[in-house]
Each structure stands twice: as C-alpha cells, then as structure tokens.
PDB file of N, CA and C in Angstrom:
ATOM      1  N   UNK A   1     140.333 105.144 112.383  1.00  0.00           N
ATOM      2  CA  UNK A   1     138.905 105.287 111.566  1.00  0.00           C
ATOM      3  C   UNK A   1     137.937 105.493 112.548  1.00  0.00           C
ATOM      4  N   UNK A   2     136.867 106.550 112.051  1.00  0.00           N
ATOM      5  CA  UNK A   2     135.705 107.065 112.992  1.00  0.00           C
ATOM      6  C   UNK A   2     134.623 105.842 112.643  1.00  0.00           C
ATOM      7  N   UNK A   3     134.249 105.009 113.649  1.00  0.00           N
ATOM      8  CA  UNK A   3     133.327 104.276 113.764  1.00  0.00           C
ATOM      9  C   UNK A   3     131.876 104.622 113.589  1.00  0.00           C
ATOM     10  N   UNK A   4     131.712 105.854 113.834  1.00  0.00           N
ATOM     11  CA  UNK A   4     130.078 106.084 113.884  1.00  0.00           C
ATOM     12  C   UNK A   4     129.782 106.646 112.392  1.00  0.00           C
ATOM     13  N   UNK A   5     130.950 107.202 111.679  1.00  0.00           N
ATOM     14  CA  UNK A   5     130.393 107.673 110.364  1.00  0.00           C
ATOM     15  C   UNK A   5     130.662 106.329 109.605  1.00  0.00           C
ATOM     16  N   UNK A   6     131.303 105.507 109.606  1.00  0.00           N
ATOM     17  CA  UNK A   6     131.290 104.008 108.957  1.00  0.00           C
ATOM     18  C   UNK A   6     129.773 103.482 109.142  1.00  0.00           C
ATOM     19  N   UNK A   7     129.083 103.718 110.212  1.00  0.00           N
ATOM     20  CA  UNK A   7     127.891 103.119 110.548  1.00  0.00           C
ATOM     21  C   UNK A   7     126.570 103.892 109.746  1.00  0.00           C
ATOM     22  N   UNK A   8     126.968 105.078 109.989  1.00  0.00           N
ATOM     23  CA  UNK A   8     125.805 105.754 108.887  1.00  0.00           C
ATOM     24  C   UNK A   8     125.858 105.649 107.841  1.00  0.00           C
ATOM     25  N   UNK A   9     127.103 105.309 107.201  1.00  0.00           N
ATOM     26  CA  UNK A   9     127.037 105.043 105.739  1.00  0.00           C
ATOM     27  C   UNK A   9     126.795 103.610 105.356  1.00  0.00           C
ATOM     28  N   UNK A  10     126.815 102.836 106.304  1.00  0.00           N
ATOM     29  CA  UNK A  10     126.222 101.467 106.115  1.00  0.00           C
ATOM     30  C   UNK A  10     124.845 101.330 106.240  1.00  0.00           C
ATOM     31  N   UNK A  11     124.351 102.094 107.227  1.00  0.00           N
ATOM     32  CA  UNK A  11     122.887 102.329 107.330  1.00  0.00           C
ATOM     33  C   UNK A  11     122.496 102.955 105.948  1.00  0.00           C
ATOM     34  N   UNK A  12     123.101 104.009 105.298  1.00  0.00           N
ATOM     35  CA  UNK A  12     122.448 104.536 104.178  1.00  0.00           C
ATOM     36  C   UNK A  12     122.526 103.575 103.099  1.00  0.00           C
ATOM     37  N   UNK A  13     123.247 102.864 102.876  1.00  0.00           N
ATOM     38  CA  UNK A  13     123.458 101.774 101.798  1.00  0.00           C
ATOM     39  C   UNK A  13     122.181 100.475 102.080  1.00  0.00           C
ATOM     40  N   UNK A  14     122.127 100.372 103.333  1.00  0.00           N
ATOM     41  CA  UNK A  14     120.911  99.479 103.732  1.00  0.00           C
ATOM     42  C   UNK A  14     119.578 100.040 103.207  1.00  0.00           C
ATOM     43  N   UNK A  15     119.326 101.270 103.573  1.00  0.00           N
ATOM     44  CA  UNK A  15     118.091 101.945 103.206  1.00  0.00           C
ATOM     45  C   UNK A  15     117.834 102.032 101.552  1.00  0.00           C
ATOM     46  N   UNK A  16     119.024 102.188 101.039  1.00  0.00           N
ATOM     47  CA  UNK A  16     118.778 102.174  99.601  1.00  0.00           C
ATOM     48  C   UNK A  16     118.696 100.955  98.898  1.00  0.00           C
ATOM     49  N   UNK A  17     119.328 100.002  99.518  1.00  0.00           N
ATOM     50  CA  UNK A  17     118.915  98.527  99.071  1.00  0.00           C
ATOM     51  C   UNK A  17     117.487  98.147  99.311  1.00  0.00           C
ATOM     52  N   UNK A  18     117.050  98.695 100.564  1.00  0.00           N
ATOM     53  CA  UNK A  18     115.270  98.264 100.688  1.00  0.00           C
ATOM     54  C   UNK A  18     114.706  98.825  99.831  1.00  0.00           C
ATOM     55  N   UNK A  19     114.926 100.315  99.426  1.00  0.00           N
ATOM     56  CA  UNK A  19     114.306 101.077  98.546  1.00  0.00           C
ATOM     57  C   UNK A  19     114.037 100.442  97.210  1.00  0.00           C
ATOM     58  N   UNK A  20     115.228 100.070  96.795  1.00  0.00           N
ATOM     59  CA  UNK A  20     115.620  99.719  95.270  1.00  0.00           C
ATOM     60  C   UNK A  20     114.501  98.197  95.155  1.00  0.00           C
ATOM     61  N   UNK A  21     114.822  97.563  96.509  1.00  0.00           N
ATOM     62  CA  UNK A  21     113.809  96.238  96.376  1.00  0.00           C
ATOM     63  C   UNK A  21     112.352  96.546  96.354  1.00  0.00           C
ATOM     64  N   UNK A  22     112.138  97.187  97.052  1.00  0.00           N
ATOM     65  CA  UNK A  22     110.488  97.823  97.137  1.00  0.00           C
ATOM     66  C   UNK A  22     110.022  98.110  95.918  1.00  0.00           C
ATOM     67  N   UNK A  23     110.777  99.073  95.210  1.00  0.00           N
ATOM     68  CA  UNK A  23     110.473  99.691  93.804  1.00  0.00           C
ATOM     69  C   UNK A  23     110.604  98.336  93.013  1.00  0.00           C
ATOM     70  N   UNK A  24     111.514  97.580  92.795  1.00  0.00           N
ATOM     71  CA  UNK A  24     111.356  96.325  92.028  1.00  0.00           C
ATOM     72  C   UNK A  24     110.291  95.313  92.225  1.00  0.00           C
ATOM     73  N   UNK A  25     109.773  95.431  93.549  1.00  0.00           N
ATOM     74  CA  UNK A  25     108.728  94.613  93.619  1.00  0.00           C
ATOM     75  C   UNK A  25     107.406  95.071  93.361  1.00  0.00           C
ATOM     76  N   UNK A  26     107.091  96.432  93.491  1.00  0.00           N
ATOM     77  CA  UNK A  26     106.033  97.491  92.791  1.00  0.00           C
ATOM     78  C   UNK A  26     105.885  97.157  91.502  1.00  0.00           C
ATOM     79  N   UNK A  27     107.244  97.388  90.863  1.00  0.00           N
ATOM     80  CA  UNK A  27     107.351  97.019  89.169  1.00  0.00           C
ATOM     81  C   UNK A  27     106.777  96.023  88.736  1.00  0.00           C
ATOM     82  N   UNK A  28     107.283  94.754  89.447  1.00  0.00           N
ATOM     83  CA  UNK A  28     106.621  93.284  89.220  1.00  0.00           C
ATOM     84  C   UNK A  28     105.132  93.178  89.199  1.00  0.00           C
ATOM     85  N   UNK A  29     104.768  93.728  90.495  1.00  0.00           N
ATOM     86  CA  UNK A  29     103.189  93.595  90.878  1.00  0.00           C
ATOM     87  C   UNK A  29     102.382  94.380  89.715  1.00  0.00           C
ATOM     88  N   UNK A  30     102.853  95.497  89.412  1.00  0.00           N
ATOM     89  CA  UNK A  30     102.231  96.482  88.163  1.00  0.00           C
ATOM     90  C   UNK A  30     102.312  95.539  86.891  1.00  0.00           C
ATOM     91  N   UNK A  31     103.467  94.833  86.776  1.00  0.00           N
ATOM     92  CA  UNK A  31     103.725  94.184  85.467  1.00  0.00           C
ATOM     93  C   UNK A  31     102.504  93.084  85.076  1.00  0.00           C
ATOM     94  N   UNK A  32     102.222  92.434  86.404  1.00  0.00           N
ATOM     95  CA  UNK A  32     101.619  91.093  86.603  1.00  0.00           C
ATOM     96  C   UNK A  32      99.961  91.314  86.563  1.00  0.00           C
ATOM     97  N   UNK A  33      99.528  92.580  87.062  1.00  0.00           N
ATOM     98  CA  UNK A  33      98.277  93.029  87.107  1.00  0.00           C
ATOM     99  C   UNK A  33      97.907  94.114  86.581  1.00  0.00           C
ATOM    100  N   UNK A  34      98.836  94.534  85.320  1.00  0.00           N
ATOM    101  CA  UNK A  34      98.537  95.720  84.518  1.00  0.00           C
ATOM    102  C   UNK A  34      97.370  95.616  83.650  1.00  0.00           C
ATOM    103  N   UNK A  35      96.946  94.717  83.201  1.00  0.00           N
ATOM    104  CA  UNK A  35      95.698  94.355  82.457  1.00  0.00           C
ATOM    105  C   UNK A  35      94.466  94.514  83.365  1.00  0.00           C
ATOM    106  N   UNK A  36      94.626  93.955  84.422  1.00  0.00           N
ATOM    107  CA  UNK A  36      93.515  94.504  85.343  1.00  0.00           C
ATOM    108  C   UNK A  36      93.437  95.627  85.958  1.00  0.00           C
ATOM    109  N   UNK A  37      94.603  96.447  86.282  1.00  0.00           N
ATOM    110  CA  UNK A  37      94.510  97.707  86.508  1.00  0.00           C
ATOM    111  C   UNK A  37      93.915  98.730  85.429  1.00  0.00           C
ATOM    112  N   UNK A  38      94.417  98.463  84.343  1.00  0.00           N
ATOM    113  CA  UNK A  38      93.696  99.203  82.930  1.00  0.00           C
ATOM    114  C   UNK A  38      92.357  99.000  83.017  1.00  0.00           C
ATOM    115  N   UNK A  39      91.860  97.659  83.221  1.00  0.00           N
ATOM    116  CA  UNK A  39      90.359  97.537  83.040  1.00  0.00           C
ATOM    117  C   UNK A  39      89.519  98.142  84.206  1.00  0.00           C
ATOM    118  N   UNK A  40      90.293  98.025  85.478  1.00  0.00           N
ATOM    119  CA  UNK A  40      89.272  98.918  86.439  1.00  0.00           C
ATOM    120  C   UNK A  40      89.352 100.393  86.429  1.00  0.00           C
ATOM    121  N   UNK A  41      90.532 101.049  85.760  1.00  0.00           N
ATOM    122  CA  UNK A  41      90.447 102.171  85.704  1.00  0.00           C
ATOM    123  C   UNK A  41      89.790 102.827  84.411  1.00  0.00           C
ATOM    124  N   UNK A  42      89.581 102.007  83.562  1.00  0.00           N
ATOM    125  CA  UNK A  42      88.750 102.113  82.305  1.00  0.00           C
ATOM    126  C   UNK A  42      87.276 102.081  83.000  1.00  0.00           C
ATOM    127  N   UNK A  43      86.883 101.300  83.637  1.00  0.00           N
ATOM    128  CA  UNK A  43      85.605 101.229  84.309  1.00  0.00           C
ATOM    129  C   UNK A  43      85.264 102.607  85.338  1.00  0.00           C
ATOM    130  N   UNK A  44      86.220 102.922  85.814  1.00  0.00           N
ATOM    131  CA  UNK A  44      86.178 104.186  86.630  1.00  0.00           C
ATOM    132  C   UNK A  44      85.920 105.526  85.528  1.00  0.00           C
ATOM    133  N   UNK A  45      86.596 105.419  84.492  1.00  0.00           N
ATOM    134  CA  UNK A  45      86.397 106.697  83.559  1.00  0.00           C
ATOM    135  C   UNK A  45      85.026 106.546  82.930  1.00  0.00           C
ATOM    136  N   UNK A  46      84.888 105.387  82.670  1.00  0.00           N
ATOM    137  CA  UNK A  46      83.293 105.251  81.987  1.00  0.00           C
ATOM    138  C   UNK A  46      82.358 105.574  82.946  1.00  0.00           C
ATOM    139  N   UNK A  47      82.551 105.521  84.406  1.00  0.00           N
ATOM    140  CA  UNK A  47      81.363 105.613  85.114  1.00  0.00           C
ATOM    141  C   UNK A  47      81.433 107.527  85.387  1.00  0.00           C
ATOM    142  N   UNK A  48      82.514 107.904  85.241  1.00  0.00           N
ATOM    143  CA  UNK A  48      82.676 109.317  85.732  1.00  0.00           C
ATOM    144  C   UNK A  48      82.184 110.244  84.410  1.00  0.00           C
ATOM    145  N   UNK A  49      82.882 109.674  83.021  1.00  0.00           N
ATOM    146  CA  UNK A  49      82.751 110.440  82.173  1.00  0.00           C
ATOM    147  C   UNK A  49      81.921 109.518  80.904  1.00  0.00           C
ATOM    148  N   UNK A  50      80.575 110.082  80.347  1.00  0.00           N
ATOM    149  CA  UNK A  50      80.089 109.610  79.337  1.00  0.00           C
ATOM    150  C   UNK A  50      80.489 109.847  77.912  1.00  0.00           C
ATOM    151  N   UNK A  51      81.370 110.717  77.814  1.00  0.00           N
ATOM    152  CA  UNK A  51      81.809 111.427  76.649  1.00  0.00           C
ATOM    153  C   UNK A  51      82.732 110.664  75.762  1.00  0.00           C
ATOM    154  N   UNK A  52      83.891 111.372  74.924  1.00  0.00           N
ATOM    155  CA  UNK A  52      84.572 110.724  74.111  1.00  0.00           C
ATOM    156  C   UNK A  52      85.706 110.095  75.252  1.00  0.00           C
ATOM    157  N   UNK A  53      86.126 110.237  76.396  1.00  0.00           N
ATOM    158  CA  UNK A  53      86.889 109.717  77.050  1.00  0.00           C
ATOM    159  C   UNK A  53      86.656 108.350  77.536  1.00  0.00           C
ATOM    160  N   UNK A  54      85.439 108.401  77.663  1.00  0.00           N
ATOM    161  CA  UNK A  54      84.920 106.922  78.048  1.00  0.00           C
ATOM    162  C   UNK A  54      85.032 105.806  76.843  1.00  0.00           C
ATOM    163  N   UNK A  55      84.905 106.312  75.736  1.00  0.00           N
ATOM    164  CA  UNK A  55      84.909 105.653  74.772  1.00  0.00           C
ATOM    165  C   UNK A  55      86.362 105.144  74.331  1.00  0.00           C
ATOM    166  N   UNK A  56      87.327 106.220  74.608  1.00  0.00           N
ATOM    167  CA  UNK A  56      88.637 106.212  74.366  1.00  0.00           C
ATOM    168  C   UNK A  56      89.301 105.050  75.366  1.00  0.00           C
ATOM    169  N   UNK A  57      88.673 105.175  76.627  1.00  0.00           N
ATOM    170  CA  UNK A  57      89.076 104.569  77.855  1.00  0.00           C
ATOM    171  C   UNK A  57      88.590 102.759  77.211  1.00  0.00           C
ATOM    172  N   UNK A  58      87.506 102.697  76.827  1.00  0.00           N
ATOM    173  CA  UNK A  58      87.094 101.127  76.638  1.00  0.00           C
ATOM    174  C   UNK A  58      87.910 100.732  75.274  1.00  0.00           C
ATOM    175  N   UNK A  59      88.327 101.442  74.655  1.00  0.00           N
ATOM    176  CA  UNK A  59      88.934 100.963  73.391  1.00  0.00           C
ATOM    177  C   UNK A  59      90.526 100.571  73.835  1.00  0.00           C
ATOM    178  N   UNK A  60      90.936 101.360  74.740  1.00  0.00           N
ATOM    179  CA  UNK A  60      92.283 101.017  75.246  1.00  0.00           C
ATOM    180  C   UNK A  60      92.678  99.882  76.054  1.00  0.00           C
ATOM    181  N   UNK A  61      91.397  99.396  76.704  1.00  0.00           N
ATOM    182  CA  UNK A  61      91.056  98.251  77.547  1.00  0.00           C
ATOM    183  C   UNK A  61      91.341  97.069  76.271  1.00  0.00           C
ATOM    184  N   UNK A  62      90.930  97.218  75.387  1.00  0.00           N
ATOM    185  CA  UNK A  62      91.018  96.010  74.415  1.00  0.00           C
ATOM    186  C   UNK A  62      92.138  95.458  73.996  1.00  0.00           C
ATOM    187  N   UNK A  63      93.008  96.332  74.319  1.00  0.00           N
ATOM    188  CA  UNK A  63      94.697  95.842  73.725  1.00  0.00           C
ATOM    189  C   UNK A  63      95.053  95.545  75.242  1.00  0.00           C
ATOM    190  N   UNK A  64      96.058  94.647  74.833  1.00  0.00           N
ATOM    191  CA  UNK A  64      97.100  93.784  75.846  1.00  0.00           C
ATOM    192  C   UNK A  64      98.226  94.923  76.131  1.00  0.00           C
ATOM    193  N   UNK A  65      98.549  94.779  77.556  1.00  0.00           N
ATOM    194  CA  UNK A  65      99.663  95.658  77.916  1.00  0.00           C
ATOM    195  C   UNK A  65     100.669  95.549  76.799  1.00  0.00           C
ATOM    196  N   UNK A  66     101.235  94.007  76.776  1.00  0.00           N
ATOM    197  CA  UNK A  66     102.572  94.247  75.903  1.00  0.00           C
ATOM    198  C   UNK A  66     102.095  94.639  74.418  1.00  0.00           C
ATOM    199  N   UNK A  67     100.887  94.616  74.074  1.00  0.00           N
ATOM    200  CA  UNK A  67     100.622  95.408  72.763  1.00  0.00           C
ATOM    201  C   UNK A  67     100.894  96.736  72.776  1.00  0.00           C
ATOM    202  N   UNK A  68     100.487  97.265  73.851  1.00  0.00           N
ATOM    203  CA  UNK A  68     100.405  99.115  73.976  1.00  0.00           C
ATOM    204  C   UNK A  68     102.013  99.335  74.117  1.00  0.00           C
ATOM    205  N   UNK A  69     102.815  98.365  74.894  1.00  0.00           N
ATOM    206  CA  UNK A  69     104.111  98.981  74.944  1.00  0.00           C
ATOM    207  C   UNK A  69     104.872  98.802  73.703  1.00  0.00           C
ATOM    208  N   UNK A  70     104.423  97.632  73.177  1.00  0.00           N
ATOM    209  CA  UNK A  70     105.195  97.713  71.652  1.00  0.00           C
ATOM    210  C   UNK A  70     104.830  98.837  70.841  1.00  0.00           C
ATOM    211  N   UNK A  71     103.380  99.376  70.701  1.00  0.00           N
ATOM    212  CA  UNK A  71     103.397 100.465  70.044  1.00  0.00           C
ATOM    213  C   UNK A  71     103.525 102.105  70.514  1.00  0.00           C
ATOM    214  N   UNK A  72     104.237 102.141  71.475  1.00  0.00           N
ATOM    215  CA  UNK A  72     104.499 103.367  72.021  1.00  0.00           C
ATOM    216  C   UNK A  72     105.188 104.334  70.962  1.00  0.00           C
ATOM    217  N   UNK A  73     106.137 103.577  70.283  1.00  0.00           N
ATOM    218  CA  UNK A  73     106.713 104.274  69.381  1.00  0.00           C
ATOM    219  C   UNK A  73     106.082 104.865  68.125  1.00  0.00           C
ATOM    220  N   UNK A  74     105.114 103.997  67.585  1.00  0.00           N
ATOM    221  CA  UNK A  74     104.006 104.372  66.436  1.00  0.00           C
ATOM    222  C   UNK A  74     103.195 105.438  67.159  1.00  0.00           C
ATOM    223  N   UNK A  75     102.921 105.626  68.453  1.00  0.00           N
ATOM    224  CA  UNK A  75     102.019 106.526  68.785  1.00  0.00           C
ATOM    225  C   UNK A  75     102.579 107.733  69.117  1.00  0.00           C
ATOM    226  N   UNK A  76     103.655 107.789  69.118  1.00  0.00           N
ATOM    227  CA  UNK A  76     104.583 109.205  69.218  1.00  0.00           C
ATOM    228  C   UNK A  76     104.870 109.208  70.732  1.00  0.00           C
ATOM    229  N   UNK A  77     104.578 108.329  71.707  1.00  0.00           N
ATOM    230  CA  UNK A  77     104.958 108.446  72.878  1.00  0.00           C
ATOM    231  C   UNK A  77     106.391 107.823  73.329  1.00  0.00           C
ATOM    232  N   UNK A  78     107.652 108.468  73.424  1.00  0.00           N
ATOM    233  CA  UNK A  78     108.863 108.037  73.929  1.00  0.00           C
ATOM    234  C   UNK A  78     109.183 108.134  75.288  1.00  0.00           C
TER     235      UNK A  78
END
C-alpha cells in the first residue's frame, strides 16, 4: 500500500471534520443570538435609510426569530 496516499486522505478527512464542526458552531451562535443580530441590523438600516425600508426593518424586529421561521411558507419564501 502507498503510505503517502493514505496520509493525504486522512488529512483531507480531518480538514472536512474541522470545517463541519466550525460550520455547526457558527449555526449555533447565529441561532442563539439571532434576535440580537436582527435588532442590530435593523438599527443600522434605520440609521442609513429613513424611508420605507426603515419602517419595514423595525417591524421585522418586533417578531421573534421562531415566528419568522414558522411564517416562511406563508410569506412565500421557501
């Protein structure tokens, strides 16, 4: 058997596992802080745009993230 080929395959699998773990950690952080992130982005939109987008952003913050996810099918976003 070719030892160098086995080590390259093993290293690739290790990198893939690390990437998956980092992605799962990022999803967990976004899930925990999603309401805070939405509020911060809404504040930024409000400061930069005083038109209709600002009022839409403020209205979106009033809803919880769980409610937004439940209403995705109703809003036509799939």
